[in-house]
PDB file of N, CA and C in Angstrom:
ATOM      1  N   MET A   1       5.483   7.669  -3.014  1.00  0.00           N
ATOM      2  CA  MET A   1       5.752   7.040  -1.737  1.00  0.00           C
ATOM      3  C   MET A   1       4.322   6.665  -1.172  1.00  0.00           C
ATOM      4  N   TRP A   2       3.363   7.250  -1.802  1.00  0.00           N
ATOM      5  CA  TRP A   2       1.996   6.904  -1.190  1.00  0.00           C
ATOM      6  C   TRP A   2       1.419   5.568  -1.577  1.00  0.00           C
ATOM      7  N   PHE A   3       1.736   4.987  -2.704  1.00  0.00           N
ATOM      8  CA  PHE A   3       1.408   3.778  -3.097  1.00  0.00           C
ATOM      9  C   PHE A   3       1.533   2.598  -2.112  1.00  0.00           C
ATOM     10  N   PRO A   4       2.700   2.481  -1.287  1.00  0.00           N
ATOM     11  CA  PRO A   4       2.541   1.352  -0.279  1.00  0.00           C
ATOM     12  C   PRO A   4       1.478   1.327   0.812  1.00  0.00           C
ATOM     13  N   LEU A   5       1.171   2.586   0.953  1.00  0.00           N
ATOM     14  CA  LEU A   5       0.184   2.766   2.155  1.00  0.00           C
ATOM     15  C   LEU A   5      -1.243   1.832   1.753  1.00  0.00           C
ATOM     16  N   VAL A   6      -1.468   1.750   0.565  1.00  0.00           N
ATOM     17  CA  VAL A   6      -2.616   0.935   0.132  1.00  0.00           C
ATOM     18  C   VAL A   6      -2.655  -0.516   0.550  1.00  0.00           C
ATOM     19  N   PRO A   7      -1.520  -1.397   0.316  1.00  0.00           N
ATOM     20  CA  PRO A   7      -1.471  -2.502   0.601  1.00  0.00           C
ATOM     21  C   PRO A   7      -1.399  -2.644   2.310  1.00  0.00           C
ATOM     22  N   LEU A   8      -0.921  -1.572   2.789  1.00  0.00           N
ATOM     23  CA  LEU A   8      -0.680  -1.634   4.331  1.00  0.00           C
ATOM     24  C   LEU A   8      -2.342  -1.461   4.923  1.00  0.00           C
ATOM     25  N   ALA A   9      -2.881  -0.494   4.314  1.00  0.00           N
ATOM     26  CA  ALA A   9      -4.229  -0.367   4.770  1.00  0.00           C
ATOM     27  C   ALA A   9      -5.071  -1.659   4.605  1.00  0.00           C
ATOM     28  N   ILE A  10      -5.082  -2.256   3.421  1.00  0.00           N
ATOM     29  CA  ILE A  10      -5.700  -3.475   3.176  1.00  0.00           C
ATOM     30  C   ILE A  10      -5.250  -4.615   4.220  1.00  0.00           C
ATOM     31  N   LEU A  11      -3.994  -4.754   4.550  1.00  0.00           N
ATOM     32  CA  LEU A  11      -3.503  -5.676   5.582  1.00  0.00           C
ATOM     33  C   LEU A  11      -4.184  -5.253   6.794  1.00  0.00           C
ATOM     34  N   ASN A  12      -4.232  -3.917   7.248  1.00  0.00           N
ATOM     35  CA  ASN A  12      -4.786  -3.684   8.568  1.00  0.00           C
ATOM     36  C   ASN A  12      -6.294  -4.027   8.714  1.00  0.00           C
ATOM     37  N   GLY A  13      -6.982  -3.863   7.539  1.00  0.00           N
ATOM     38  CA  GLY A  13      -8.443  -4.361   7.435  1.00  0.00           C
ATOM     39  C   GLY A  13      -8.601  -5.797   7.555  1.00  0.00           C
ATOM     40  N   ILE A  14      -7.671  -6.348   6.994  1.00  0.00           N
ATOM     41  CA  ILE A  14      -7.573  -8.038   7.004  1.00  0.00           C
ATOM     42  C   ILE A  14      -7.408  -8.486   8.510  1.00  0.00           C
ATOM     43  N   MET A  15      -6.366  -7.778   9.155  1.00  0.00           N
ATOM     44  CA  MET A  15      -6.089  -8.045  10.568  1.00  0.00           C
ATOM     45  C   MET A  15      -7.145  -7.788  11.455  1.00  0.00           C
ATOM     46  N   ARG A  16      -7.921  -6.648  11.195  1.00  0.00           N
ATOM     47  CA  ARG A  16      -9.034  -6.351  11.978  1.00  0.00           C
ATOM     48  C   ARG A  16     -10.066  -7.389  12.071  1.00  0.00           C
ATOM     49  N   GLU A  17     -10.451  -7.715  10.800  1.00  0.00           N
ATOM     50  CA  GLU A  17     -11.399  -8.842  10.416  1.00  0.00           C
ATOM     51  C   GLU A  17     -11.067 -10.309  11.135  1.00  0.00           C
ATOM     52  N   ALA A  18      -9.847 -10.529  10.932  1.00  0.00           N
ATOM     53  CA  ALA A  18      -9.442 -11.931  11.148  1.00  0.00           C
ATOM     54  C   ALA A  18      -9.071 -12.117  12.823  1.00  0.00           C
ATOM     55  N   TRP A  19      -8.502 -11.107  13.387  1.00  0.00           N
ATOM     56  CA  TRP A  19      -8.046 -11.056  14.737  1.00  0.00           C
ATOM     57  C   TRP A  19      -8.717 -10.154  15.658  1.00  0.00           C
ATOM     58  N   LEU A  20      -8.948  -9.010  15.441  1.00  0.00           N
ATOM     59  CA  LEU A  20      -9.452  -7.948  16.434  1.00  0.00           C
ATOM     60  C   LEU A  20     -11.031  -8.375  16.625  1.00  0.00           C
ATOM     61  N   VAL A  21     -11.648  -8.325  15.537  1.00  0.00           N
ATOM     62  CA  VAL A  21     -13.191  -8.712  15.775  1.00  0.00           C
ATOM     63  C   VAL A  21     -13.465  -9.968  16.506  1.00  0.00           C
ATOM     64  N   PRO A  22     -12.865 -11.061  16.224  1.00  0.00           N
ATOM     65  CA  PRO A  22     -13.206 -12.177  17.112  1.00  0.00           C
ATOM     66  C   PRO A  22     -12.622 -12.168  18.599  1.00  0.00           C
ATOM     67  N   MET A  23     -11.591 -11.238  18.845  1.00  0.00           N
ATOM     68  CA  MET A  23     -10.969 -11.104  20.273  1.00  0.00           C
ATOM     69  C   MET A  23     -11.937 -10.176  21.060  1.00  0.00           C
ATOM     70  N   VAL A  24     -12.198  -8.778  20.444  1.00  0.00           N
ATOM     71  CA  VAL A  24     -12.788  -7.713  21.040  1.00  0.00           C
ATOM     72  C   VAL A  24     -14.229  -7.381  20.599  1.00  0.00           C
ATOM     73  N   GLY A  25     -14.597  -7.992  19.531  1.00  0.00           N
ATOM     74  CA  GLY A  25     -16.001  -7.596  18.785  1.00  0.00           C
ATOM     75  C   GLY A  25     -15.632  -6.294  18.000  1.00  0.00           C
ATOM     76  N   TYR A  26     -16.686  -6.258  17.231  1.00  0.00           N
ATOM     77  CA  TYR A  26     -16.598  -5.244  16.218  1.00  0.00           C
ATOM     78  C   TYR A  26     -16.548  -3.809  16.746  1.00  0.00           C
ATOM     79  N   ARG A  27     -17.424  -3.696  17.643  1.00  0.00           N
ATOM     80  CA  ARG A  27     -17.484  -2.293  18.407  1.00  0.00           C
ATOM     81  C   ARG A  27     -16.226  -1.627  18.684  1.00  0.00           C
ATOM     82  N   PHE A  28     -15.278  -2.535  19.275  1.00  0.00           N
ATOM     83  CA  PHE A  28     -13.997  -1.989  19.712  1.00  0.00           C
ATOM     84  C   PHE A  28     -12.987  -2.307  18.568  1.00  0.00           C
ATOM     85  N   ALA A  29     -13.129  -3.143  17.749  1.00  0.00           N
ATOM     86  CA  ALA A  29     -12.189  -3.362  16.849  1.00  0.00           C
ATOM     87  C   ALA A  29     -12.084  -2.515  15.779  1.00  0.00           C
ATOM     88  N   LEU A  30     -13.198  -1.724  15.285  1.00  0.00           N
ATOM     89  CA  LEU A  30     -13.159  -0.692  14.377  1.00  0.00           C
ATOM     90  C   LEU A  30     -12.419   0.468  14.729  1.00  0.00           C
ATOM     91  N   PRO A  31     -12.712   1.199  15.981  1.00  0.00           N
ATOM     92  CA  PRO A  31     -11.749   2.223  16.338  1.00  0.00           C
ATOM     93  C   PRO A  31     -10.308   1.843  16.578  1.00  0.00           C
ATOM     94  N   LEU A  32      -9.956   0.519  16.959  1.00  0.00           N
ATOM     95  CA  LEU A  32      -8.587   0.096  17.269  1.00  0.00           C
ATOM     96  C   LEU A  32      -8.084   0.000  16.007  1.00  0.00           C
ATOM     97  N   SER A  33      -8.723  -0.380  14.947  1.00  0.00           N
ATOM     98  CA  SER A  33      -8.055  -0.522  13.657  1.00  0.00           C
ATOM     99  C   SER A  33      -7.734   0.889  13.075  1.00  0.00           C
ATOM    100  N   GLY A  34      -8.690   1.925  13.296  1.00  0.00           N
ATOM    101  CA  GLY A  34      -8.313   3.209  12.867  1.00  0.00           C
ATOM    102  C   GLY A  34      -7.096   3.764  13.425  1.00  0.00           C
ATOM    103  N   VAL A  35      -6.945   3.565  14.775  1.00  0.00           N
ATOM    104  CA  VAL A  35      -5.672   4.061  15.443  1.00  0.00           C
ATOM    105  C   VAL A  35      -4.474   3.405  15.002  1.00  0.00           C
ATOM    106  N   THR A  36      -4.584   1.974  14.717  1.00  0.00           N
ATOM    107  CA  THR A  36      -3.559   1.266  14.277  1.00  0.00           C
ATOM    108  C   THR A  36      -3.081   1.737  12.964  1.00  0.00           C
ATOM    109  N   LEU A  37      -4.154   1.879  12.188  1.00  0.00           N
ATOM    110  CA  LEU A  37      -3.649   2.303  10.780  1.00  0.00           C
ATOM    111  C   LEU A  37      -3.062   3.905  10.738  1.00  0.00           C
ATOM    112  N   SER A  38      -3.439   4.560  11.621  1.00  0.00           N
ATOM    113  CA  SER A  38      -2.898   6.026  11.785  1.00  0.00           C
ATOM    114  C   SER A  38      -1.437   5.957  12.221  1.00  0.00           C
ATOM    115  N   VAL A  39      -1.000   4.960  13.039  1.00  0.00           N
ATOM    116  CA  VAL A  39       0.152   4.697  13.595  1.00  0.00           C
ATOM    117  C   VAL A  39       1.033   3.985  12.511  1.00  0.00           C
ATOM    118  N   ILE A  40       0.520   3.071  11.699  1.00  0.00           N
ATOM    119  CA  ILE A  40       1.178   2.562  10.589  1.00  0.00           C
ATOM    120  C   ILE A  40       1.587   3.610   9.661  1.00  0.00           C
ATOM    121  N   ILE A  41       0.710   4.363   9.328  1.00  0.00           N
ATOM    122  CA  ILE A  41       0.909   5.511   8.308  1.00  0.00           C
ATOM    123  C   ILE A  41       2.174   6.390   8.808  1.00  0.00           C
ATOM    124  N   PHE A  42       2.231   6.806  10.063  1.00  0.00           N
ATOM    125  CA  PHE A  42       2.896   7.552  10.548  1.00  0.00           C
ATOM    126  C   PHE A  42       4.387   6.992  10.504  1.00  0.00           C
ATOM    127  N   LEU A  43       4.436   5.561  10.917  1.00  0.00           N
ATOM    128  CA  LEU A  43       5.726   5.012  11.044  1.00  0.00           C
ATOM    129  C   LEU A  43       6.245   4.887   9.598  1.00  0.00           C
ATOM    130  N   PHE A  44       5.362   4.468   8.830  1.00  0.00           N
ATOM    131  CA  PHE A  44       5.826   4.295   7.224  1.00  0.00           C
ATOM    132  C   PHE A  44       6.533   5.639   6.803  1.00  0.00           C
ATOM    133  N   THR A  45       5.845   6.776   6.988  1.00  0.00           N
ATOM    134  CA  THR A  45       6.229   8.122   6.578  1.00  0.00           C
ATOM    135  C   THR A  45       7.659   8.462   7.273  1.00  0.00           C
ATOM    136  N   LEU A  46       7.553   8.053   8.616  1.00  0.00           N
ATOM    137  CA  LEU A  46       9.006   8.176   9.386  1.00  0.00           C
ATOM    138  C   LEU A  46      10.135   7.593   8.570  1.00  0.00           C
ATOM    139  N   VAL A  47       9.929   6.357   7.958  1.00  0.00           N
ATOM    140  CA  VAL A  47      10.901   5.547   7.340  1.00  0.00           C
ATOM    141  C   VAL A  47      11.324   6.301   6.054  1.00  0.00           C
ATOM    142  N   VAL A  48      10.247   6.669   5.279  1.00  0.00           N
ATOM    143  CA  VAL A  48      10.438   7.112   3.766  1.00  0.00           C
ATOM    144  C   VAL A  48      10.666   8.579   3.855  1.00  0.00           C
ATOM    145  N   SER A  49      10.481   9.367   4.723  1.00  0.00           N
ATOM    146  CA  SER A  49      10.542  10.857   4.656  1.00  0.00           C
ATOM    147  C   SER A  49      11.969  11.343   4.091  1.00  0.00           C
ATOM    148  N   PRO A  50      13.107  10.604   4.272  1.00  0.00           N
ATOM    149  CA  PRO A  50      14.254  11.175   3.719  1.00  0.00           C
ATOM    150  C   PRO A  50      14.434  11.134   2.231  1.00  0.00           C
ATOM    151  N   TRP A  51      13.472  10.485   1.540  1.00  0.00           N
ATOM    152  CA  TRP A  51      13.417  10.348   0.214  1.00  0.00           C
ATOM    153  C   TRP A  51      12.294  11.412  -0.393  1.00  0.00           C
ATOM    154  N   PHE A  52      11.809  12.062   0.397  1.00  0.00           N
ATOM    155  CA  PHE A  52      10.875  13.250  -0.136  1.00  0.00           C
ATOM    156  C   PHE A  52      11.398  14.443  -0.903  1.00  0.00           C
ATOM    157  N   ARG A  53      12.683  14.705  -0.630  1.00  0.00           N
ATOM    158  CA  ARG A  53      13.519  15.915  -1.267  1.00  0.00           C
ATOM    159  C   ARG A  53      12.720  17.205  -1.086  1.00  0.00           C
ATOM    160  N   ALA A  54      12.031  17.105   0.065  1.00  0.00           N
ATOM    161  CA  ALA A  54      11.440  18.586   0.511  1.00  0.00           C
ATOM    162  C   ALA A  54      12.397  19.223   1.419  1.00  0.00           C
ATOM    163  N   SER A  55      12.192  20.640   1.301  1.00  0.00           N
ATOM    164  CA  SER A  55      13.030  21.480   2.127  1.00  0.00           C
ATOM    165  C   SER A  55      12.489  22.455   3.105  1.00  0.00           C
ATOM    166  N   THR A  56      11.112  22.455   2.907  1.00  0.00           N
ATOM    167  CA  THR A  56      10.382  23.618   3.840  1.00  0.00           C
ATOM    168  C   THR A  56       9.160  22.835   4.278  1.00  0.00           C
ATOM    169  N   ALA A  57       8.678  23.323   5.349  1.00  0.00           N
ATOM    170  CA  ALA A  57       7.340  23.034   6.007  1.00  0.00           C
ATOM    171  C   ALA A  57       6.290  22.837   4.860  1.00  0.00           C
ATOM    172  N   GLU A  58       6.342  23.977   4.032  1.00  0.00           N
ATOM    173  CA  GLU A  58       5.308  24.065   2.871  1.00  0.00           C
ATOM    174  C   GLU A  58       5.360  22.690   1.963  1.00  0.00           C
ATOM    175  N   HIS A  59       6.525  22.348   1.789  1.00  0.00           N
ATOM    176  CA  HIS A  59       6.725  21.201   0.827  1.00  0.00           C
ATOM    177  C   HIS A  59       6.212  20.043   1.509  1.00  0.00           C
ATOM    178  N   TYR A  60       6.545  19.704   2.676  1.00  0.00           N
ATOM    179  CA  TYR A  60       5.781  18.647   3.517  1.00  0.00           C
ATOM    180  C   TYR A  60       4.373  18.799   3.563  1.00  0.00           C
ATOM    181  N   ALA A  61       3.815  19.891   3.882  1.00  0.00           N
ATOM    182  CA  ALA A  61       2.414  20.000   3.894  1.00  0.00           C
ATOM    183  C   ALA A  61       1.727  19.773   2.531  1.00  0.00           C
ATOM    184  N   THR A  62       2.484  20.161   1.551  1.00  0.00           N
ATOM    185  CA  THR A  62       1.932  19.793   0.101  1.00  0.00           C
ATOM    186  C   THR A  62       1.842  18.293  -0.078  1.00  0.00           C
ATOM    187  N   ILE A  63       2.999  17.726   0.471  1.00  0.00           N
ATOM    188  CA  ILE A  63       2.931  16.017   0.272  1.00  0.00           C
ATOM    189  C   ILE A  63       1.896  15.482   1.119  1.00  0.00           C
ATOM    190  N   GLY A  64       1.502  15.932   2.233  1.00  0.00           N
ATOM    191  CA  GLY A  64       0.413  15.517   3.072  1.00  0.00           C
ATOM    192  C   GLY A  64      -0.879  15.785   2.367  1.00  0.00           C
ATOM    193  N   LYS A  65      -1.153  16.945   1.727  1.00  0.00           N
ATOM    194  CA  LYS A  65      -2.424  17.265   1.224  1.00  0.00           C
ATOM    195  C   LYS A  65      -2.537  16.330  -0.139  1.00  0.00           C
ATOM    196  N   THR A  66      -1.427  16.099  -0.738  1.00  0.00           N
ATOM    197  CA  THR A  66      -1.386  15.270  -2.076  1.00  0.00           C
ATOM    198  C   THR A  66      -1.880  13.906  -1.490  1.00  0.00           C
ATOM    199  N   TRP A  67      -1.248  13.328  -0.582  1.00  0.00           N
ATOM    200  CA  TRP A  67      -1.502  12.003   0.005  1.00  0.00           C
ATOM    201  C   TRP A  67      -2.925  11.923   0.518  1.00  0.00           C
ATOM    202  N   LEU A  68      -3.483  12.956   1.012  1.00  0.00           N
ATOM    203  CA  LEU A  68      -5.102  13.124   1.475  1.00  0.00           C
ATOM    204  C   LEU A  68      -5.904  12.943   0.312  1.00  0.00           C
ATOM    205  N   LEU A  69      -5.493  13.805  -0.716  1.00  0.00           N
ATOM    206  CA  LEU A  69      -6.300  13.653  -2.085  1.00  0.00           C
ATOM    207  C   LEU A  69      -6.348  12.354  -2.785  1.00  0.00           C
ATOM    208  N   MET A  70      -5.093  11.734  -2.864  1.00  0.00           N
ATOM    209  CA  MET A  70      -5.046  10.448  -3.393  1.00  0.00           C
ATOM    210  C   MET A  70      -5.791   9.346  -2.674  1.00  0.00           C
ATOM    211  N   THR A  71      -5.749   9.517  -1.165  1.00  0.00           N
ATOM    212  CA  THR A  71      -6.380   8.569  -0.368  1.00  0.00           C
ATOM    213  C   THR A  71      -7.943   8.704  -0.696  1.00  0.00           C
ATOM    214  N   LEU A  72      -8.425   9.920  -0.617  1.00  0.00           N
ATOM    215  CA  LEU A  72      -9.889  10.131  -0.884  1.00  0.00           C
ATOM    216  C   LEU A  72     -10.283   9.808  -2.271  1.00  0.00           C
ATOM    217  N   LEU A  73      -9.471   9.899  -3.299  1.00  0.00           N
ATOM    218  CA  LEU A  73      -9.801   9.495  -4.660  1.00  0.00           C
ATOM    219  C   LEU A  73      -9.906   7.969  -4.681  1.00  0.00           C
ATOM    220  N   PHE A  74      -8.746   7.478  -4.149  1.00  0.00           N
ATOM    221  CA  PHE A  74      -8.802   5.765  -4.270  1.00  0.00           C
ATOM    222  C   PHE A  74     -10.006   5.394  -3.585  1.00  0.00           C
ATOM    223  N   GLU A  75     -10.262   5.756  -2.312  1.00  0.00           N
ATOM    224  CA  GLU A  75     -11.407   5.267  -1.659  1.00  0.00           C
ATOM    225  C   GLU A  75     -12.711   5.449  -2.447  1.00  0.00           C
ATOM    226  N   PHE A  76     -13.007   6.440  -2.759  1.00  0.00           N
ATOM    227  CA  PHE A  76     -14.243   6.722  -3.478  1.00  0.00           C
ATOM    228  C   PHE A  76     -14.199   5.991  -4.910  1.00  0.00           C
ATOM    229  N   LEU A  77     -13.221   6.176  -5.638  1.00  0.00           N
ATOM    230  CA  LEU A  77     -13.218   5.455  -7.031  1.00  0.00           C
ATOM    231  C   LEU A  77     -13.265   3.993  -6.842  1.00  0.00           C
ATOM    232  N   PHE A  78     -12.431   3.356  -5.988  1.00  0.00           N
ATOM    233  CA  PHE A  78     -12.324   2.068  -5.807  1.00  0.00           C
ATOM    234  C   PHE A  78     -13.613   1.373  -5.375  1.00  0.00           C
ATOM    235  N   ALA A  79     -14.126   2.250  -4.174  1.00  0.00           N
ATOM    236  CA  ALA A  79     -15.396   1.601  -3.530  1.00  0.00           C
ATOM    237  C   ALA A  79     -16.500   1.608  -4.493  1.00  0.00           C
ATOM    238  N   TYR A  80     -16.546   2.792  -5.228  1.00  0.00           N
ATOM    239  CA  TYR A  80     -17.882   2.998  -6.031  1.00  0.00           C
ATOM    240  C   TYR A  80     -17.669   2.091  -7.362  1.00  0.00           C
ATOM    241  N   TYR A  81     -16.467   2.072  -8.096  1.00  0.00           N
ATOM    242  CA  TYR A  81     -16.442   1.317  -9.366  1.00  0.00           C
ATOM    243  C   TYR A  81     -16.125   0.008  -9.255  1.00  0.00           C
ATOM    244  N   VAL A  82     -15.300  -0.400  -8.258  1.00  0.00           N
ATOM    245  CA  VAL A  82     -14.939  -1.656  -8.299  1.00  0.00           C
ATOM    246  C   VAL A  82     -15.638  -2.594  -7.114  1.00  0.00           C
ATOM    247  N   MET A  83     -15.926  -1.888  -6.166  1.00  0.00           N
ATOM    248  CA  MET A  83     -16.678  -2.604  -5.088  1.00  0.00           C
ATOM    249  C   MET A  83     -18.317  -2.593  -5.241  1.00  0.00           C
ATOM    250  N   GLY A  84     -18.746  -1.554  -6.041  1.00  0.00           N
ATOM    251  CA  GLY A  84     -20.046  -1.360  -6.374  1.00  0.00           C
ATOM    252  C   GLY A  84     -20.862  -0.682  -4.924  1.00  0.00           C
ATOM    253  N   GLU A  85     -19.978  -0.075  -4.192  1.00  0.00           N
ATOM    254  CA  GLU A  85     -20.794   0.534  -3.102  1.00  0.00           C
ATOM    255  C   GLU A  85     -21.312   1.888  -3.315  1.00  0.00           C
ATOM    256  N   SER A  86     -22.483   2.113  -2.649  1.00  0.00           N
ATOM    257  CA  SER A  86     -23.112   3.378  -2.739  1.00  0.00           C
ATOM    258  C   SER A  86     -22.360   4.526  -1.917  1.00  0.00           C
ATOM    259  N   VAL A  87     -22.793   5.897  -2.352  1.00  0.00           N
ATOM    260  CA  VAL A  87     -21.991   6.993  -1.701  1.00  0.00           C
ATOM    261  C   VAL A  87     -22.451   6.851  -0.210  1.00  0.00           C
ATOM    262  N   THR A  88     -23.777   6.638  -0.147  1.00  0.00           N
ATOM    263  CA  THR A  88     -24.273   6.701   1.287  1.00  0.00           C
ATOM    264  C   THR A  88     -23.438   5.700   2.060  1.00  0.00           C
ATOM    265  N   ARG A  89     -23.289   4.460   1.694  1.00  0.00           N
ATOM    266  CA  ARG A  89     -22.522   3.567   2.457  1.00  0.00           C
ATOM    267  C   ARG A  89     -20.931   3.954   2.572  1.00  0.00           C
ATOM    268  N   MET A  90     -20.598   4.643   1.738  1.00  0.00           N
ATOM    269  CA  MET A  90     -19.039   4.975   1.814  1.00  0.00           C
ATOM    270  C   MET A  90     -19.003   6.277   2.757  1.00  0.00           C
ATOM    271  N   LEU A  91     -20.055   6.901   2.918  1.00  0.00           N
ATOM    272  CA  LEU A  91     -19.990   8.234   3.961  1.00  0.00           C
ATOM    273  C   LEU A  91     -20.262   7.575   5.298  1.00  0.00           C
ATOM    274  N   ASP A  92     -20.508   6.414   5.482  1.00  0.00           N
ATOM    275  CA  ASP A  92     -20.763   5.789   6.637  1.00  0.00           C
ATOM    276  C   ASP A  92     -19.456   5.590   7.576  1.00  0.00           C
ATOM    277  N   ALA A  93     -18.322   5.547   6.800  1.00  0.00           N
ATOM    278  CA  ALA A  93     -16.879   5.680   7.309  1.00  0.00           C
ATOM    279  C   ALA A  93     -16.499   6.870   8.078  1.00  0.00           C
ATOM    280  N   TYR A  94     -17.329   7.840   7.774  1.00  0.00           N
ATOM    281  CA  TYR A  94     -17.069   9.201   8.466  1.00  0.00           C
ATOM    282  C   TYR A  94     -17.807   9.422   9.546  1.00  0.00           C
ATOM    283  N   ASN A  95     -18.489   8.452  10.138  1.00  0.00           N
ATOM    284  CA  ASN A  95     -19.312   8.529  11.207  1.00  0.00           C
ATOM    285  C   ASN A  95     -18.485   8.119  12.539  1.00  0.00           C
ATOM    286  N   VAL A  96     -17.912   9.181  13.189  1.00  0.00           N
ATOM    287  CA  VAL A  96     -17.212   8.889  14.390  1.00  0.00           C
ATOM    288  C   VAL A  96     -18.267   8.258  15.472  1.00  0.00           C
ATOM    289  N   LEU A  97     -19.357   8.816  15.457  1.00  0.00           N
ATOM    290  CA  LEU A  97     -20.179   8.185  16.605  1.00  0.00           C
ATOM    291  C   LEU A  97     -20.435   6.808  16.604  1.00  0.00           C
ATOM    292  N   ARG A  98     -20.277   6.149  15.459  1.00  0.00           N
ATOM    293  CA  ARG A  98     -20.453   4.801  15.330  1.00  0.00           C
ATOM    294  C   ARG A  98     -19.145   3.866  15.478  1.00  0.00           C
ATOM    295  N   GLY A  99     -18.050   4.831  15.908  1.00  0.00           N
ATOM    296  CA  GLY A  99     -16.801   4.012  16.269  1.00  0.00           C
ATOM    297  C   GLY A  99     -15.865   3.895  15.102  1.00  0.00           C
ATOM    298  N   ASN A 100     -16.217   4.713  14.011  1.00  0.00           N
ATOM    299  CA  ASN A 100     -15.394   4.489  12.879  1.00  0.00           C
ATOM    300  C   ASN A 100     -14.439   5.624  12.918  1.00  0.00           C
ATOM    301  N   LEU A 101     -13.115   5.517  12.991  1.00  0.00           N
ATOM    302  CA  LEU A 101     -11.997   6.509  12.994  1.00  0.00           C
ATOM    303  C   LEU A 101     -11.282   6.918  11.733  1.00  0.00           C
ATOM    304  N   TRP A 102     -12.188   6.439  10.562  1.00  0.00           N
ATOM    305  CA  TRP A 102     -11.527   6.946   9.361  1.00  0.00           C
ATOM    306  C   TRP A 102     -11.157   8.520   9.399  1.00  0.00           C
ATOM    307  N   VAL A 103     -11.760   9.343   9.862  1.00  0.00           N
ATOM    308  CA  VAL A 103     -11.446  10.616   9.765  1.00  0.00           C
ATOM    309  C   VAL A 103      -9.886  10.752  10.510  1.00  0.00           C
ATOM    310  N   LEU A 104      -9.547   9.916  11.412  1.00  0.00           N
ATOM    311  CA  LEU A 104      -8.307  10.174  12.104  1.00  0.00           C
ATOM    312  C   LEU A 104      -7.379   9.633  11.254  1.00  0.00           C
ATOM    313  N   VAL A 105      -7.615   8.522  10.456  1.00  0.00           N
ATOM    314  CA  VAL A 105      -6.620   7.948   9.584  1.00  0.00           C
ATOM    315  C   VAL A 105      -6.512   9.129   8.356  1.00  0.00           C
ATOM    316  N   LEU A 106      -7.528   9.793   7.952  1.00  0.00           N
ATOM    317  CA  LEU A 106      -7.181  10.791   7.030  1.00  0.00           C
ATOM    318  C   LEU A 106      -6.308  11.944   7.505  1.00  0.00           C
ATOM    319  N   VAL A 107      -6.635  12.470   8.782  1.00  0.00           N
ATOM    320  CA  VAL A 107      -5.616  13.514   9.290  1.00  0.00           C
ATOM    321  C   VAL A 107      -4.321  13.045   9.446  1.00  0.00           C
ATOM    322  N   SER A 108      -4.178  11.696   9.835  1.00  0.00           N
ATOM    323  CA  SER A 108      -2.933  11.248  10.067  1.00  0.00           C
ATOM    324  C   SER A 108      -2.048  11.229   8.688  1.00  0.00           C
ATOM    325  N   THR A 109      -2.854  10.777   7.550  1.00  0.00           N
ATOM    326  CA  THR A 109      -2.180  10.755   6.343  1.00  0.00           C
ATOM    327  C   THR A 109      -1.786  12.082   5.793  1.00  0.00           C
ATOM    328  N   ALA A 110      -2.509  13.011   6.178  1.00  0.00           N
ATOM    329  CA  ALA A 110      -2.227  14.513   5.635  1.00  0.00           C
ATOM    330  C   ALA A 110      -1.128  15.167   6.673  1.00  0.00           C
ATOM    331  N   ALA A 111      -1.105  14.722   7.730  1.00  0.00           N
ATOM    332  CA  ALA A 111      -0.350  15.293   8.733  1.00  0.00           C
ATOM    333  C   ALA A 111       1.256  14.501   8.858  1.00  0.00           C
ATOM    334  N   SER A 112       1.288  13.298   8.619  1.00  0.00           N
ATOM    335  CA  SER A 112       2.418  12.509   8.784  1.00  0.00           C
ATOM    336  C   SER A 112       3.627  13.003   8.009  1.00  0.00           C
ATOM    337  N   PRO A 113       3.615  13.522   6.768  1.00  0.00           N
ATOM    338  CA  PRO A 113       4.879  13.999   6.141  1.00  0.00           C
ATOM    339  C   PRO A 113       5.488  15.142   7.001  1.00  0.00           C
ATOM    340  N   TYR A 114       4.668  16.148   7.358  1.00  0.00           N
ATOM    341  CA  TYR A 114       5.238  17.235   8.071  1.00  0.00           C
ATOM    342  C   TYR A 114       5.757  16.721   9.379  1.00  0.00           C
ATOM    343  N   LEU A 115       4.912  15.966  10.313  1.00  0.00           N
ATOM    344  CA  LEU A 115       5.310  15.452  11.570  1.00  0.00           C
ATOM    345  C   LEU A 115       6.636  14.558  11.395  1.00  0.00           C
ATOM    346  N   ALA A 116       6.698  13.840  10.356  1.00  0.00           N
ATOM    347  CA  ALA A 116       7.816  12.847  10.179  1.00  0.00           C
ATOM    348  C   ALA A 116       9.090  13.709  10.136  1.00  0.00           C
ATOM    349  N   ALA A 117       8.968  14.752   9.155  1.00  0.00           N
ATOM    350  CA  ALA A 117      10.106  15.615   8.995  1.00  0.00           C
ATOM    351  C   ALA A 117      10.469  16.204  10.442  1.00  0.00           C
ATOM    352  N   ARG A 118       9.635  16.893  11.146  1.00  0.00           N
ATOM    353  CA  ARG A 118       9.839  17.390  12.296  1.00  0.00           C
ATOM    354  C   ARG A 118      10.548  16.470  13.214  1.00  0.00           C
ATOM    355  N   VAL A 119      10.177  15.249  13.472  1.00  0.00           N
ATOM    356  CA  VAL A 119      10.525  14.049  14.416  1.00  0.00           C
ATOM    357  C   VAL A 119      12.054  13.776  13.851  1.00  0.00           C
ATOM    358  N   ARG A 120      12.338  13.744  12.603  1.00  0.00           N
ATOM    359  CA  ARG A 120      13.639  13.372  11.992  1.00  0.00           C
ATOM    360  C   ARG A 120      14.665  14.617  12.070  1.00  0.00           C
ATOM    361  N   GLY A 121      14.101  15.696  12.357  1.00  0.00           N
ATOM    362  CA  GLY A 121      14.928  17.023  12.462  1.00  0.00           C
ATOM    363  C   GLY A 121      15.251  17.480  11.087  1.00  0.00           C
ATOM    364  N   MET A 122      14.540  17.306  10.044  1.00  0.00           N
ATOM    365  CA  MET A 122      14.574  17.813   8.815  1.00  0.00           C
ATOM    366  C   MET A 122      13.976  19.151   8.725  1.00  0.00           C
ATOM    367  N   LEU A 123      13.238  19.645   9.638  1.00  0.00           N
ATOM    368  CA  LEU A 123      12.772  21.006   9.614  1.00  0.00           C
ATOM    369  C   LEU A 123      13.201  21.790  10.759  1.00  0.00           C
TER     370      LEU A 123
END
């Protein structure tokens, strides 16, 4: 169920560059995009959570940890091998002081399975 998050994240980035940056500038578009992607991840998880077949909080937490690991692996492997990015440049995404809320996206990715199960009353 993690794989659809990739095109959703890419679409979020495209919308940020096409609409948000021209409207509010990069300084505000970057954190707004992080918040938007976090909400998208949670809403997606809320929709797909019945298919997790998890029964305990630990199961949902494991799904969240797995999603986090897959996100990090995809991010670094894709950026390094496909996009040719340096590790230093990739780590810039973790600089909250520059307005990048990628850390929030990662927390959302890890927490959404558990939170969605709670909201749906599955725990």
